[in-house]
Amino acid sequence: MVTAIGEQIQVCAHFSEGRIFPLWFIWHDRCYKISSITSRWSTQEGRACCYHFSALTTETCELYELCYHSEQLSWFLAQVAGEG
């Protein structure tokens, strides 16, 4: 089941050689450590580029779609896909 979220979140990420590597994020006062990125892609919103990441966490069996918005310099949790 996929649930749309669309909330701003805090993310710790490593930026290296023009790539972004999310490491963990905080959503609703809970920290989720990212165990792997299963896919990444980008979209355009006007002049802004949005970098999307499908992330698996060590705490749950859910897949989280994180989005970094280049104009706002902000991270968002776009959606969550899981069994529940």
C-alpha atoms as a PDB file:
ATOM      1  CA  MET A   1       0.000   0.000   0.000  1.00  0.00           C
ATOM      2  CA  VAL A   2       1.348   3.449  -0.945  1.00  0.00           C
ATOM      3  CA  THR A   3       0.548   6.462   1.241  1.00  0.00           C
ATOM      4  CA  ALA A   4       1.186  10.005   0.016  1.00  0.00           C
ATOM      5  CA  ILE A   5       2.808  12.153   2.726  1.00  0.00           C
ATOM      6  CA  GLY A   6       4.184  15.427   1.324  1.00  0.00           C
ATOM      7  CA  GLU A   7       5.741  16.630   4.603  1.00  0.00           C
ATOM      8  CA  GLN A   8       9.000  18.479   5.110  1.00  0.00           C
ATOM      9  CA  ILE A   9      11.590  16.382   6.969  1.00  0.00           C
ATOM     10  CA  GLN A  10      15.133  16.683   8.294  1.00  0.00           C
ATOM     11  CA  VAL A  11      17.734  14.665   6.405  1.00  0.00           C
ATOM     12  CA  CYS A  12      21.427  14.034   6.959  1.00  0.00           C
ATOM     13  CA  ALA A  13      23.046  13.536   3.564  1.00  0.00           C
ATOM     14  CA  HIS A  14      26.516  13.277   2.120  1.00  0.00           C
ATOM     15  CA  PHE A  15      27.208  15.324  -1.027  1.00  0.00           C
ATOM     16  CA  SER A  16      30.130  13.995  -3.077  1.00  0.00           C
ATOM     17  CA  GLU A  17      31.250  14.416  -6.694  1.00  0.00           C
ATOM     18  CA  GLY A  18      27.897  15.869  -7.764  1.00  0.00           C
ATOM     19  CA  ARG A  19      25.825  13.121  -6.127  1.00  0.00           C
ATOM     20  CA  ILE A  20      23.634  13.076  -3.028  1.00  0.00           C
ATOM     21  CA  PHE A  21      23.687  10.203  -0.538  1.00  0.00           C
ATOM     22  CA  PRO A  22      20.937  10.396   2.134  1.00  0.00           C
ATOM     23  CA  LEU A  23      22.095   8.707   5.361  1.00  0.00           C
ATOM     24  CA  TRP A  24      19.166   9.141   7.752  1.00  0.00           C
ATOM     25  CA  PHE A  25      16.033  11.238   8.200  1.00  0.00           C
ATOM     26  CA  ILE A  26      13.757  12.413  10.990  1.00  0.00           C
ATOM     27  CA  TRP A  27       9.995  12.182  10.568  1.00  0.00           C
ATOM     28  CA  HIS A  28       7.533  12.777  13.434  1.00  0.00           C
ATOM     29  CA  ASP A  29      10.386  12.963  15.971  1.00  0.00           C
ATOM     30  CA  ARG A  30      11.689   9.529  14.973  1.00  0.00           C
ATOM     31  CA  CYS A  31      15.043   8.885  13.311  1.00  0.00           C
ATOM     32  CA  TYR A  32      15.177   6.410  10.404  1.00  0.00           C
ATOM     33  CA  LYS A  33      18.603   5.120   9.343  1.00  0.00           C
ATOM     34  CA  ILE A  34      18.785   4.412   5.617  1.00  0.00           C
ATOM     35  CA  SER A  35      20.130   0.961   4.845  1.00  0.00           C
ATOM     36  CA  SER A  36      20.031   1.300   1.056  1.00  0.00           C
ATOM     37  CA  ILE A  37      18.861   3.475  -1.803  1.00  0.00           C
ATOM     38  CA  THR A  38      16.942   1.290  -4.259  1.00  0.00           C
ATOM     39  CA  SER A  39      16.533   3.924  -6.969  1.00  0.00           C
ATOM     40  CA  ARG A  40      17.118   7.602  -7.690  1.00  0.00           C
ATOM     41  CA  TRP A  41      15.728   9.979 -10.304  1.00  0.00           C
ATOM     42  CA  SER A  42      15.129  13.685 -10.852  1.00  0.00           C
ATOM     43  CA  THR A  43      12.188  15.815 -11.985  1.00  0.00           C
ATOM     44  CA  GLN A  44      11.771  19.484 -12.880  1.00  0.00           C
ATOM     45  CA  GLU A  45       9.422  21.891 -11.091  1.00  0.00           C
ATOM     46  CA  GLY A  46       9.845  25.143 -12.987  1.00  0.00           C
ATOM     47  CA  ARG A  47      13.481  26.184 -12.532  1.00  0.00           C
ATOM     48  CA  ALA A  48      13.953  23.806  -9.604  1.00  0.00           C
ATOM     49  CA  CYS A  49      15.294  20.310  -9.837  1.00  0.00           C
ATOM     50  CA  CYS A  50      13.845  17.741  -7.458  1.00  0.00           C
ATOM     51  CA  TYR A  51      16.054  14.781  -6.620  1.00  0.00           C
ATOM     52  CA  HIS A  52      14.084  11.697  -5.575  1.00  0.00           C
ATOM     53  CA  PHE A  53      15.358   8.685  -3.642  1.00  0.00           C
ATOM     54  CA  SER A  54      13.641   5.400  -2.804  1.00  0.00           C
ATOM     55  CA  ALA A  55      15.110   4.443   0.547  1.00  0.00           C
ATOM     56  CA  LEU A  56      14.892   1.313   2.662  1.00  0.00           C
ATOM     57  CA  THR A  57      15.456   1.775   6.381  1.00  0.00           C
ATOM     58  CA  THR A  58      16.912  -0.525   9.001  1.00  0.00           C
ATOM     59  CA  GLU A  59      13.910  -0.005  11.343  1.00  0.00           C
ATOM     60  CA  THR A  60      10.985  -0.949   9.078  1.00  0.00           C
ATOM     61  CA  CYS A  61      10.091  -3.013   6.027  1.00  0.00           C
ATOM     62  CA  GLU A  62       8.790   0.094   4.277  1.00  0.00           C
ATOM     63  CA  LEU A  63      10.104   2.022   1.301  1.00  0.00           C
ATOM     64  CA  TYR A  64      10.303   5.800   1.728  1.00  0.00           C
ATOM     65  CA  GLU A  65      10.454   8.271  -1.149  1.00  0.00           C
ATOM     66  CA  LEU A  66      12.604  11.233  -0.147  1.00  0.00           C
ATOM     67  CA  CYS A  67      12.817  14.358  -2.287  1.00  0.00           C
ATOM     68  CA  TYR A  68      15.406  17.144  -2.201  1.00  0.00           C
ATOM     69  CA  HIS A  69      14.128  20.406  -3.721  1.00  0.00           C
ATOM     70  CA  SER A  70      17.031  22.439  -5.161  1.00  0.00           C
ATOM     71  CA  GLU A  71      15.323  25.876  -5.053  1.00  0.00           C
ATOM     72  CA  GLN A  72      13.987  25.570  -1.504  1.00  0.00           C
ATOM     73  CA  LEU A  73      17.059  23.662  -0.278  1.00  0.00           C
ATOM     74  CA  SER A  74      14.610  21.441   1.615  1.00  0.00           C
ATOM     75  CA  TRP A  75      13.833  17.764   1.964  1.00  0.00           C
ATOM     76  CA  PHE A  76      10.357  16.247   1.786  1.00  0.00           C
ATOM     77  CA  LEU A  77       8.921  12.819   2.462  1.00  0.00           C
ATOM     78  CA  ALA A  78       6.822  12.280  -0.655  1.00  0.00           C
ATOM     79  CA  GLN A  79       5.342   8.867   0.129  1.00  0.00           C
ATOM     80  CA  VAL A  80       5.681   5.628   2.054  1.00  0.00           C
ATOM     81  CA  ALA A  81       5.108   2.171   0.579  1.00  0.00           C
ATOM     82  CA  GLY A  82       4.632  -0.766   2.903  1.00  0.00           C
ATOM     83  CA  GLU A  83       2.557  -3.743   3.882  1.00  0.00           C
ATOM     84  CA  GLY A  84       0.173  -1.858   6.201  1.00  0.00           C
END
